[in-house]
Each structure stands twice: as C-alpha cells, then as structure tokens.
Amino acid sequence: MTTLRLPEQLLCEVEEVAGTGEENLSRFVETALRETLARRRARDVQPAPVEVAPVGSGELLPSVDLSRWAQFLQSQAAEPRHRHLHLSA
C-alpha cells in the first residue's frame, strides 16, 4: 500500500470532482498521473528532422537562372499590390 500526502484543500477539490470513496480517489489519481506522464513524454520527444529529397536527378531544371532571382523579386515588389478596375453600365 502507498500513502500519498496531499494538502487538505487539494484533497477536498479532488473529492468534489472524483467523488468520495477510496476507489474513486485511486482512479482519479491514476488517471491524473498517466495524463501528466503522457504530456511530459510528448514534450521531451524531439521531432524528427525533415529531409527534402530533390525531384528527378537533383540538378537544376532547364531555363532556371538563379542569378536573376534578386531581379525578379525586385520587379515583383515594384508592382502595385492592388489594381483598380472601373466598370460602367
């Protein structure tokens, strides 16, 4: 048998939720401990690294010129964000 020492106020709150009785209290504590362990395990798991595989042979595709990428971005930034269209009936 294991003895848990809990603050009286906490025990009162648990009994309100779990109900009175040793079995209800034991089940409540077991569930709470399992949930806490699961959260801690999930928090401690490191995500797997993401690997990006090239499509095809992994070489640049024909007609792709990365040296002009900055020029392309500047041209896109210079274009107006909104275009106005006037319609007449």
C-alpha atoms as a PDB file:
ATOM      1  CA  MET A   1       0.000   0.000   0.000  1.00  0.00           C
ATOM      2  CA  THR A   2       1.220   3.523  -0.816  1.00  0.00           C
ATOM      3  CA  THR A   3       0.396   6.612   1.146  1.00  0.00           C
ATOM      4  CA  LEU A   4       0.045   9.983  -0.565  1.00  0.00           C
ATOM      5  CA  ARG A   5       0.126  13.143   1.483  1.00  0.00           C
ATOM      6  CA  LEU A   6      -1.940  15.908  -0.099  1.00  0.00           C
ATOM      7  CA  PRO A   7      -2.849  19.364   1.160  1.00  0.00           C
ATOM      8  CA  GLU A   8      -6.329  19.297   2.701  1.00  0.00           C
ATOM      9  CA  GLN A   9      -7.715  21.900   0.264  1.00  0.00           C
ATOM     10  CA  LEU A  10      -6.459  19.919  -2.745  1.00  0.00           C
ATOM     11  CA  LEU A  11      -7.953  16.720  -1.384  1.00  0.00           C
ATOM     12  CA  CYS A  12     -11.314  18.459  -0.917  1.00  0.00           C
ATOM     13  CA  GLU A  13     -11.257  19.679  -4.530  1.00  0.00           C
ATOM     14  CA  VAL A  14     -10.346  16.215  -5.814  1.00  0.00           C
ATOM     15  CA  GLU A  15     -13.123  14.606  -3.800  1.00  0.00           C
ATOM     16  CA  GLU A  16     -15.623  17.094  -5.240  1.00  0.00           C
ATOM     17  CA  VAL A  17     -14.637  16.073  -8.763  1.00  0.00           C
ATOM     18  CA  ALA A  18     -13.865  12.376  -8.263  1.00  0.00           C
ATOM     19  CA  GLY A  19     -16.454  11.657  -5.627  1.00  0.00           C
ATOM     20  CA  THR A  20     -15.797  10.223  -2.221  1.00  0.00           C
ATOM     21  CA  GLY A  21     -14.527   6.742  -1.682  1.00  0.00           C
ATOM     22  CA  GLU A  22     -11.099   5.151  -1.938  1.00  0.00           C
ATOM     23  CA  GLU A  23     -11.734   3.545  -5.347  1.00  0.00           C
ATOM     24  CA  ASN A  24     -12.889   6.809  -6.951  1.00  0.00           C
ATOM     25  CA  LEU A  25      -9.933   8.682  -5.498  1.00  0.00           C
ATOM     26  CA  SER A  26      -7.462   5.989  -6.627  1.00  0.00           C
ATOM     27  CA  ARG A  27      -8.871   6.015 -10.158  1.00  0.00           C
ATOM     28  CA  PHE A  28      -8.716   9.815 -10.294  1.00  0.00           C
ATOM     29  CA  VAL A  29      -5.094   9.931  -9.107  1.00  0.00           C
ATOM     30  CA  GLU A  30      -4.097   7.150 -11.538  1.00  0.00           C
ATOM     31  CA  THR A  31      -5.687   8.994 -14.476  1.00  0.00           C
ATOM     32  CA  ALA A  32      -4.071  12.280 -13.481  1.00  0.00           C
ATOM     33  CA  LEU A  33      -0.637  10.643 -13.182  1.00  0.00           C
ATOM     34  CA  ARG A  34      -0.978   8.911 -16.568  1.00  0.00           C
ATOM     35  CA  GLU A  35      -2.018  12.191 -18.255  1.00  0.00           C
ATOM     36  CA  THR A  36       0.902  14.040 -16.672  1.00  0.00           C
ATOM     37  CA  LEU A  37       3.369  11.350 -17.771  1.00  0.00           C
ATOM     38  CA  ALA A  38       1.994  11.403 -21.327  1.00  0.00           C
ATOM     39  CA  ARG A  39       2.333  15.209 -21.536  1.00  0.00           C
ATOM     40  CA  ARG A  40       5.910  15.068 -20.254  1.00  0.00           C
ATOM     41  CA  ARG A  41       6.864  12.319 -22.684  1.00  0.00           C
ATOM     42  CA  ALA A  42       5.325  14.245 -25.581  1.00  0.00           C
ATOM     43  CA  ARG A  43       7.188  17.396 -24.537  1.00  0.00           C
ATOM     44  CA  ASP A  44      10.519  15.572 -24.266  1.00  0.00           C
ATOM     45  CA  VAL A  45      10.286  13.893 -27.674  1.00  0.00           C
ATOM     46  CA  GLN A  46      12.457  15.623 -30.243  1.00  0.00           C
ATOM     47  CA  PRO A  47      10.765  15.988 -33.631  1.00  0.00           C
ATOM     48  CA  ALA A  48      12.375  14.022 -36.433  1.00  0.00           C
ATOM     49  CA  PRO A  49      14.419  16.138 -38.836  1.00  0.00           C
ATOM     50  CA  VAL A  50      12.720  16.962 -42.098  1.00  0.00           C
ATOM     51  CA  GLU A  51      14.514  15.708 -45.157  1.00  0.00           C
ATOM     52  CA  VAL A  52      13.818  17.201 -48.559  1.00  0.00           C
ATOM     53  CA  ALA A  53      14.603  14.950 -51.488  1.00  0.00           C
ATOM     54  CA  PRO A  54      15.255  16.530 -54.875  1.00  0.00           C
ATOM     55  CA  VAL A  55      12.854  15.729 -57.689  1.00  0.00           C
ATOM     56  CA  GLY A  56      14.406  13.906 -60.606  1.00  0.00           C
ATOM     57  CA  SER A  57      18.187  13.878 -60.751  1.00  0.00           C
ATOM     58  CA  GLY A  58      18.539  16.771 -58.309  1.00  0.00           C
ATOM     59  CA  GLU A  59      20.044  19.070 -60.901  1.00  0.00           C
ATOM     60  CA  LEU A  60      18.682  22.435 -61.950  1.00  0.00           C
ATOM     61  CA  LEU A  61      15.922  22.314 -64.482  1.00  0.00           C
ATOM     62  CA  PRO A  62      16.449  23.813 -67.920  1.00  0.00           C
ATOM     63  CA  SER A  63      15.811  27.551 -68.187  1.00  0.00           C
ATOM     64  CA  VAL A  64      16.130  28.155 -64.460  1.00  0.00           C
ATOM     65  CA  ASP A  65      18.525  31.059 -63.901  1.00  0.00           C
ATOM     66  CA  LEU A  66      19.039  31.691 -60.210  1.00  0.00           C
ATOM     67  CA  SER A  67      21.379  34.598 -60.892  1.00  0.00           C
ATOM     68  CA  ARG A  68      18.328  36.686 -61.821  1.00  0.00           C
ATOM     69  CA  TRP A  69      16.314  35.771 -58.727  1.00  0.00           C
ATOM     70  CA  ALA A  70      17.015  39.085 -56.951  1.00  0.00           C
ATOM     71  CA  GLN A  71      15.983  40.951 -60.098  1.00  0.00           C
ATOM     72  CA  PHE A  72      12.724  39.004 -60.209  1.00  0.00           C
ATOM     73  CA  LEU A  73      11.958  39.752 -56.550  1.00  0.00           C
ATOM     74  CA  GLN A  74      12.593  43.459 -57.074  1.00  0.00           C
ATOM     75  CA  SER A  75      10.264  43.527 -60.068  1.00  0.00           C
ATOM     76  CA  GLN A  76       7.539  41.823 -58.027  1.00  0.00           C
ATOM     77  CA  ALA A  77       7.968  44.319 -55.186  1.00  0.00           C
ATOM     78  CA  ALA A  78       7.706  47.240 -57.619  1.00  0.00           C
ATOM     79  CA  GLU A  79       4.330  46.116 -58.981  1.00  0.00           C
ATOM     80  CA  PRO A  80       1.270  47.645 -57.319  1.00  0.00           C
ATOM     81  CA  ARG A  81      -0.415  45.360 -54.824  1.00  0.00           C
ATOM     82  CA  HIS A  82      -3.960  46.360 -55.843  1.00  0.00           C
ATOM     83  CA  ARG A  83      -5.356  47.020 -59.258  1.00  0.00           C
ATOM     84  CA  HIS A  84      -8.432  49.136 -59.732  1.00  0.00           C
ATOM     85  CA  LEU A  85     -10.978  48.219 -62.346  1.00  0.00           C
ATOM     86  CA  HIS A  86     -13.657  50.717 -63.356  1.00  0.00           C
ATOM     87  CA  LEU A  87     -16.804  49.319 -64.897  1.00  0.00           C
ATOM     88  CA  SER A  88     -19.546  51.286 -66.476  1.00  0.00           C
ATOM     89  CA  ALA A  89     -23.035  50.011 -67.117  1.00  0.00           C
END
